[in-house]
Amino acid sequence: MSVRVQPEPFDAGAELNAFAARASGAGAVVTFTGLVRDISGGLAHMEIEHYPGMTERAISSIVAEATERFGLDAALVIHRHGRLAPAEPIMMVATAARHRGSAFEAAVFLMDYLKSRAPFWKKEVTADGAEWVAARDEDEAALSRW
C-alpha cells in the first residue's frame, strides 16, 4: 500500500510499470488517472490545498479498508496539491488483486472516496476571479453505493 500527496507532477506510465512490477503475483491491475478539467472553458489553473499529515492519514485509512474489503494484493494512491494547469494529472489510483472484479471494484471505491471525502480543498482560478469548488450531488450519490 502506498499513498503519496505531492505537489510534483507524476508520470502515470512509469507509475503503472513500477506498481505492476511490485504486484507480480496479482492477476489484475487496474489504474485510473484523473486530469484537471476545464469545464467552463476559461480555467487558468486550479489550486488544491490540504492539511499535511491529516490528508495522508485519511487516505491511508481508506486504502487499508479497500485492501481488506476487496482482497487487494497492492494499492497506490497519488494525489497532487498546489497549482495545477488544465489537463495536468491530478491523481492516480492503482489496484492489484487476484481477480479483475476485485481490482475494478476497489479502484472505483477509492476514486469515489477521493472525489467526495478526501480532505482537499479546490479553487478554480479564471480571468474573472477565483471560486472554491463545491461538492457535487453526483459524487455524494456515487459514494452512497458503498
C-alpha atoms as a PDB file:
ATOM      1  CA  MET A   1       0.000   0.000   0.000  1.00  0.00           C
ATOM      2  CA  SER A   2       1.350   3.382  -0.964  1.00  0.00           C
ATOM      3  CA  VAL A   3      -0.128   6.861  -0.533  1.00  0.00           C
ATOM      4  CA  ARG A   4       1.599   9.963  -1.823  1.00  0.00           C
ATOM      5  CA  VAL A   5       0.346  13.535  -1.568  1.00  0.00           C
ATOM      6  CA  GLN A   6       2.706  15.738  -3.506  1.00  0.00           C
ATOM      7  CA  PRO A   7       2.988  18.971  -5.486  1.00  0.00           C
ATOM      8  CA  GLU A   8       5.195  17.443  -8.190  1.00  0.00           C
ATOM      9  CA  PRO A   9       3.811  16.033 -11.451  1.00  0.00           C
ATOM     10  CA  PHE A  10       3.983  12.274 -11.903  1.00  0.00           C
ATOM     11  CA  ASP A  11       4.375  10.046 -14.942  1.00  0.00           C
ATOM     12  CA  ALA A  12       1.328   7.751 -14.960  1.00  0.00           C
ATOM     13  CA  GLY A  13       3.003   5.236 -17.294  1.00  0.00           C
ATOM     14  CA  ALA A  14       6.115   4.955 -15.156  1.00  0.00           C
ATOM     15  CA  GLU A  15       3.992   4.708 -12.003  1.00  0.00           C
ATOM     16  CA  LEU A  16       1.913   1.903 -13.573  1.00  0.00           C
ATOM     17  CA  ASN A  17       5.003  -0.032 -14.651  1.00  0.00           C
ATOM     18  CA  ALA A  18       6.590   0.216 -11.197  1.00  0.00           C
ATOM     19  CA  PHE A  19       3.308  -0.697  -9.490  1.00  0.00           C
ATOM     20  CA  ALA A  20       2.736  -3.732 -11.739  1.00  0.00           C
ATOM     21  CA  ALA A  21       6.298  -4.936 -11.098  1.00  0.00           C
ATOM     22  CA  ARG A  22       5.687  -4.803  -7.332  1.00  0.00           C
ATOM     23  CA  ALA A  23       2.332  -6.633  -7.712  1.00  0.00           C
ATOM     24  CA  SER A  24       3.740  -9.513  -9.737  1.00  0.00           C
ATOM     25  CA  GLY A  25       1.547 -12.128  -8.032  1.00  0.00           C
ATOM     26  CA  ALA A  26      -1.726 -10.399  -8.937  1.00  0.00           C
ATOM     27  CA  GLY A  27      -3.983 -11.490 -11.778  1.00  0.00           C
ATOM     28  CA  ALA A  28      -5.266  -7.969 -12.483  1.00  0.00           C
ATOM     29  CA  VAL A  29      -4.041  -4.410 -12.249  1.00  0.00           C
ATOM     30  CA  VAL A  30      -6.479  -1.516 -12.676  1.00  0.00           C
ATOM     31  CA  THR A  31      -5.455   2.132 -12.895  1.00  0.00           C
ATOM     32  CA  PHE A  32      -7.211   5.458 -13.182  1.00  0.00           C
ATOM     33  CA  THR A  33      -5.595   8.833 -13.741  1.00  0.00           C
ATOM     34  CA  GLY A  34      -7.662  11.953 -13.154  1.00  0.00           C
ATOM     35  CA  LEU A  35      -6.906  15.178 -15.024  1.00  0.00           C
ATOM     36  CA  VAL A  36      -7.699  18.799 -14.177  1.00  0.00           C
ATOM     37  CA  ARG A  37     -10.850  19.585 -16.167  1.00  0.00           C
ATOM     38  CA  ASP A  38     -11.627  22.945 -17.712  1.00  0.00           C
ATOM     39  CA  ILE A  39     -15.417  22.668 -17.504  1.00  0.00           C
ATOM     40  CA  SER A  40     -16.108  26.370 -18.092  1.00  0.00           C
ATOM     41  CA  GLY A  41     -13.578  26.782 -20.887  1.00  0.00           C
ATOM     42  CA  GLY A  42     -11.783  29.592 -19.059  1.00  0.00           C
ATOM     43  CA  LEU A  43      -9.804  27.849 -16.325  1.00  0.00           C
ATOM     44  CA  ALA A  44      -6.375  29.420 -15.844  1.00  0.00           C
ATOM     45  CA  HIS A  45      -5.393  26.954 -13.127  1.00  0.00           C
ATOM     46  CA  MET A  46      -6.654  25.092 -10.080  1.00  0.00           C
ATOM     47  CA  GLU A  47      -5.261  25.469  -6.578  1.00  0.00           C
ATOM     48  CA  ILE A  48      -5.530  22.460  -4.268  1.00  0.00           C
ATOM     49  CA  GLU A  49      -4.959  22.794  -0.538  1.00  0.00           C
ATOM     50  CA  HIS A  50      -4.704  20.128   2.162  1.00  0.00           C
ATOM     51  CA  TYR A  51      -3.525  19.618   5.740  1.00  0.00           C
ATOM     52  CA  PRO A  52      -0.231  17.677   5.627  1.00  0.00           C
ATOM     53  CA  GLY A  53      -0.369  14.587   7.782  1.00  0.00           C
ATOM     54  CA  MET A  54      -4.144  14.607   8.166  1.00  0.00           C
ATOM     55  CA  THR A  55      -4.722  14.080   4.448  1.00  0.00           C
ATOM     56  CA  GLU A  56      -2.264  11.207   4.192  1.00  0.00           C
ATOM     57  CA  ARG A  57      -3.743   9.506   7.272  1.00  0.00           C
ATOM     58  CA  ALA A  58      -7.294   9.816   5.909  1.00  0.00           C
ATOM     59  CA  ILE A  59      -6.345   8.383   2.517  1.00  0.00           C
ATOM     60  CA  SER A  60      -4.216   5.629   4.076  1.00  0.00           C
ATOM     61  CA  SER A  61      -7.183   4.601   6.207  1.00  0.00           C
ATOM     62  CA  ILE A  62      -9.498   4.229   3.213  1.00  0.00           C
ATOM     63  CA  VAL A  63      -6.795   2.383   1.244  1.00  0.00           C
ATOM     64  CA  ALA A  64      -6.438  -0.053   4.156  1.00  0.00           C
ATOM     65  CA  GLU A  65     -10.227  -0.519   4.165  1.00  0.00           C
ATOM     66  CA  ALA A  66     -10.224  -1.159   0.393  1.00  0.00           C
ATOM     67  CA  THR A  67      -7.329  -3.610   0.721  1.00  0.00           C
ATOM     68  CA  GLU A  68      -9.221  -5.666   3.292  1.00  0.00           C
ATOM     69  CA  ARG A  69     -12.670  -5.322   1.743  1.00  0.00           C
ATOM     70  CA  PHE A  70     -11.626  -6.297  -1.800  1.00  0.00           C
ATOM     71  CA  GLY A  71      -8.681  -8.584  -1.009  1.00  0.00           C
ATOM     72  CA  LEU A  72      -6.102  -6.417  -2.746  1.00  0.00           C
ATOM     73  CA  ASP A  73      -2.532  -7.527  -3.224  1.00  0.00           C
ATOM     74  CA  ALA A  74      -1.418  -3.902  -3.612  1.00  0.00           C
ATOM     75  CA  ALA A  75      -2.813  -0.381  -3.871  1.00  0.00           C
ATOM     76  CA  LEU A  76      -1.411   3.016  -4.825  1.00  0.00           C
ATOM     77  CA  VAL A  77      -2.933   6.479  -4.479  1.00  0.00           C
ATOM     78  CA  ILE A  78      -1.150   9.596  -5.690  1.00  0.00           C
ATOM     79  CA  HIS A  79      -2.853  12.971  -5.262  1.00  0.00           C
ATOM     80  CA  ARG A  80      -1.326  16.311  -6.105  1.00  0.00           C
ATOM     81  CA  HIS A  81      -1.718  19.647  -4.374  1.00  0.00           C
ATOM     82  CA  GLY A  82      -0.671  23.174  -5.205  1.00  0.00           C
ATOM     83  CA  ARG A  83      -1.162  24.943  -8.525  1.00  0.00           C
ATOM     84  CA  LEU A  84      -2.237  22.727 -11.431  1.00  0.00           C
ATOM     85  CA  ALA A  85      -2.966  23.695 -15.044  1.00  0.00           C
ATOM     86  CA  PRO A  86      -5.850  22.319 -17.135  1.00  0.00           C
ATOM     87  CA  ALA A  87      -5.199  18.768 -18.424  1.00  0.00           C
ATOM     88  CA  GLU A  88      -2.447  18.085 -15.861  1.00  0.00           C
ATOM     89  CA  PRO A  89      -2.689  14.800 -13.945  1.00  0.00           C
ATOM     90  CA  ILE A  90      -4.225  15.498 -10.537  1.00  0.00           C
ATOM     91  CA  MET A  91      -4.456  11.985  -9.106  1.00  0.00           C
ATOM     92  CA  MET A  92      -3.874   8.308  -9.787  1.00  0.00           C
ATOM     93  CA  VAL A  93      -5.337   5.167  -8.281  1.00  0.00           C
ATOM     94  CA  ALA A  94      -3.887   1.715  -8.940  1.00  0.00           C
ATOM     95  CA  THR A  95      -5.170  -1.560  -7.518  1.00  0.00           C
ATOM     96  CA  ALA A  96      -3.916  -5.112  -7.881  1.00  0.00           C
ATOM     97  CA  ALA A  97      -5.843  -8.260  -6.983  1.00  0.00           C
ATOM     98  CA  ARG A  98      -6.058 -11.918  -7.887  1.00  0.00           C
ATOM     99  CA  HIS A  99      -9.188 -11.264  -9.981  1.00  0.00           C
ATOM    100  CA  ARG A 100     -10.204  -8.329 -12.170  1.00  0.00           C
ATOM    101  CA  GLY A 101     -13.587  -7.781 -10.481  1.00  0.00           C
ATOM    102  CA  SER A 102     -11.963  -7.069  -7.129  1.00  0.00           C
ATOM    103  CA  ALA A 103      -9.355  -4.781  -8.697  1.00  0.00           C
ATOM    104  CA  PHE A 104     -12.018  -2.790 -10.590  1.00  0.00           C
ATOM    105  CA  GLU A 105     -14.372  -2.507  -7.601  1.00  0.00           C
ATOM    106  CA  ALA A 106     -11.568  -1.385  -5.297  1.00  0.00           C
ATOM    107  CA  ALA A 107     -10.419   1.248  -7.798  1.00  0.00           C
ATOM    108  CA  VAL A 108     -13.945   2.672  -8.127  1.00  0.00           C
ATOM    109  CA  PHE A 109     -14.382   2.595  -4.335  1.00  0.00           C
ATOM    110  CA  LEU A 110     -11.140   4.551  -3.867  1.00  0.00           C
ATOM    111  CA  MET A 111     -11.979   7.057  -6.606  1.00  0.00           C
ATOM    112  CA  ASP A 112     -15.442   7.680  -5.135  1.00  0.00           C
ATOM    113  CA  TYR A 113     -13.890   8.271  -1.723  1.00  0.00           C
ATOM    114  CA  LEU A 114     -11.185  10.589  -3.071  1.00  0.00           C
ATOM    115  CA  LYS A 115     -13.727  12.649  -5.007  1.00  0.00           C
ATOM    116  CA  SER A 116     -16.119  13.190  -2.106  1.00  0.00           C
ATOM    117  CA  ARG A 117     -14.349  12.644   1.230  1.00  0.00           C
ATOM    118  CA  ALA A 118     -10.607  13.117   0.946  1.00  0.00           C
ATOM    119  CA  PRO A 119      -9.616  16.313   2.771  1.00  0.00           C
ATOM    120  CA  PHE A 120      -8.646  18.509  -0.172  1.00  0.00           C
ATOM    121  CA  TRP A 121      -9.961  21.991  -0.953  1.00  0.00           C
ATOM    122  CA  LYS A 122     -10.024  23.041  -4.597  1.00  0.00           C
ATOM    123  CA  LYS A 123     -10.215  26.538  -6.007  1.00  0.00           C
ATOM    124  CA  GLU A 124     -10.705  27.273  -9.699  1.00  0.00           C
ATOM    125  CA  VAL A 125      -8.981  30.416 -10.950  1.00  0.00           C
ATOM    126  CA  THR A 126     -10.201  32.116 -14.138  1.00  0.00           C
ATOM    127  CA  ALA A 127      -9.695  35.539 -15.698  1.00  0.00           C
ATOM    128  CA  ASP A 128     -12.838  36.610 -13.800  1.00  0.00           C
ATOM    129  CA  GLY A 129     -11.505  35.606 -10.380  1.00  0.00           C
ATOM    130  CA  ALA A 130     -11.347  32.568  -8.110  1.00  0.00           C
ATOM    131  CA  GLU A 131     -14.069  30.297  -6.774  1.00  0.00           C
ATOM    132  CA  TRP A 132     -13.967  27.335  -4.382  1.00  0.00           C
ATOM    133  CA  VAL A 133     -15.256  24.100  -5.911  1.00  0.00           C
ATOM    134  CA  ALA A 134     -18.412  22.909  -4.145  1.00  0.00           C
ATOM    135  CA  ALA A 135     -19.273  19.259  -3.517  1.00  0.00           C
ATOM    136  CA  ARG A 136     -21.453  17.754  -6.233  1.00  0.00           C
ATOM    137  CA  ASP A 137     -24.580  15.705  -5.581  1.00  0.00           C
ATOM    138  CA  GLU A 138     -23.434  13.104  -8.131  1.00  0.00           C
ATOM    139  CA  ASP A 139     -20.247  12.483  -6.173  1.00  0.00           C
ATOM    140  CA  GLU A 140     -22.174  12.001  -2.927  1.00  0.00           C
ATOM    141  CA  ALA A 141     -24.580   9.614  -4.680  1.00  0.00           C
ATOM    142  CA  ALA A 142     -21.670   7.590  -6.062  1.00  0.00           C
ATOM    143  CA  LEU A 143     -20.182   7.202  -2.587  1.00  0.00           C
ATOM    144  CA  SER A 144     -23.514   6.095  -1.109  1.00  0.00           C
ATOM    145  CA  ARG A 145     -23.392   2.782  -3.023  1.00  0.00           C
ATOM    146  CA  TRP A 146     -20.571   1.605  -0.781  1.00  0.00           C
END
